[in-house]
Amino acid sequence: MALNPHDHPYLVVGPLLRYVGDTCATVWVETDRPCTVEVLGHRTRTWGVHGHHYALVVVEGLQPGSETPYTVDLDGARVWPEPGSAYPPSVVRTLGDERRLRLAFGSCRRAAPFDRHSLRSVGADALVALAQRMAGGDRGAWPQALLLLGDQVYADEPSPALTKRLARLTDLGRRDGERATDDVRDEILDFEEYTWLYHESWRTPDVRWLLSTVPTAMVLDDHDLRDDWNSSWSWREEMQRKPWWRDRVQGAFASYWVYQHLGNLSPETLAEDEVYRQVREAPDDATREQVLADMAWRADRHPGSARWSFVRDLGRTRLVVVDSRCSRRLTPGNRAMVDDPEWAWVEKSAQADVDHLLIGTSLPFLTLHGIHHLEGWDEAVAEGAWGRVGRRVAERLRLSADLEHWPAFRRSFDAMVRLVQDVAGGGRPPASVLWLSGDVHCSYLARARVEGVDADRTTVHQLTMSPFRNPLEPWLRLGNRVLERPRVVAALAWLARRAGVVDPPLTWDVDHGPWFGNGLMTLVVEGRTARVEVEQARVVAGVQVLERTHTGTLTR
């Protein structure tokens, strides 16, 4: 952490506007020292872990449908907005018209500079482009919420700048040699190093203002811990033998809880959260660190001990964000994307009198068809459909090709289809059920036809947007296109059936895409009508911009 040349506290990260309802909001900050944080007349004291200091300020008494500029004071001194900022004041825009919503979403953002080389190699940053457009544009077009569907940080692939920082620590003997083995020498290992990832990603001036003004919801995915995280039982067995695994798990979950998870919760849920109570009431930093370390280790060993899934009601639209990474059941012969207690929570949360049901899951539910059949075949063979040799081959393929999306967990895939049938079969079904996803580094829109669901009453779509800034390599783009060719799809479907995979009671078409560039997707709701806008991030005359790729209506 940088030394503070001033006598008063300052903001290290933030402010981040997180939960916003009709009359309340939460604002998250990291400061350089213990202090009192004030936002719109509401004060709270920071709490510390591992030499870092945090606060989540709950602001209440706002007016529905209002826009309120806010500032941040630390120990009575104004620290936000920063002097000379080119951006407008940060504001809290509460929910008002319950039938209208603009929700932007996507995933996968690598931290990289904005010099000519980086812009050429990893492209424009969709979030930077969004911030710059918002700063000078029509506020009516601002998103009311931003959903970040995983891989906000890359613990296993840190930036070149952080890799050099890690190497310096290793050379100086400040990293434990028993933990920093060759396989993770250039990776993030503990809580302190995880904070570097968030600092690097969230302190970019454009993104910092964006996150201070647009409410955000976030969920974890594999790179928050490591690529292929919880892809299979064999992967876990191998990782748990690593000398660095426990520190990595504790750093990943503790930092995720602090930087991402807390802000997902409503003030009412925060008031009931036992870990949050223990952290705030702990007598010292060491006790807080132990509380978070214990929570993190339990969350990995016993996923039912923590719930990373959450719900947000955005007027007449309900967003159910599903943890499709930590809550998996990996037992051979009884695999599930979401274990039984978590799935029971999802089923309960999806039952609501709403116009639109959004199911946020970092991994797409409906994939490109070739991938769907390949993953179904691979799971069946890895479970023994073609004998011992087939099991070994399929397990290796699963890990090398990242075959771990919903079609690779057919029990959970079929349960999700039944959930949609149940939700759409009620007396007043939603006008749409939409899966919002990221992860796959390509974007597409797919329309589904589900047996027993009247498409004139409820339309069902998969909306996948990825990445914000982390484009797929050309050879992988080609692979995705090949897997969607009719003859390849037919061959893979035949293989899956030969392995005993039964076709699900739904079909789907990828109507638009795939697109492979950096970008952003926005869902626009007006009553029971839902539209989608797809934008790609470009560099035009040296400026990062968003250009419209597609717009279309989802509901009938």
Foldseek 3Di string as FASTA:
>chain_A
DDDDPDPFKAFLFAQFWADAAQFKTKTKTKIQDWWWKDKPRFIDTWFDAPNITMDITIGGGHHGQDKAFIFMDTNRHTHPPHPPDPADGAIRGHHHPLQWFKEWEAEADAQDDQDPVQCVVFNFFFLLQLLVCCRPHDVVPRGQEYEYFACLFAQQDHDPVLLVVLVVCVVVVNDPDLQCDPNDSSGDQAQVSLVVRCSRRRVPPSNNSVSSHHHYAYAYDARLQHPCAPLAPVVVVVLVVRPRNLRSQLNSQLNCVRPHQVSNDDPVVCVVDPLNVCSVPPPHNVSNSVSSSVQSVCCQVPVVSDASWDWDRRRLEIETEHHQHSQWDRPQPQTASHDDVSVVVVLVSQADRGQEYEYEHAFWLDDQLLLLLLLLLLLLQLSALPHDVSVVVSVVCCRVVVSRGNSNGVVHSQVVLVSVLVQQPDPQHHLEYEYEYEPPQWWFKKWKDAPNHDQQRYTYMYTYHDDSTGFDDPVVVVVSVVSNDVVSSVVSNVSSVSSPDDDHRMDMDGPDDGDRANWMKMWIGRRSKIKIWTWHWHQDPNDTHTDTDDIDTRGD
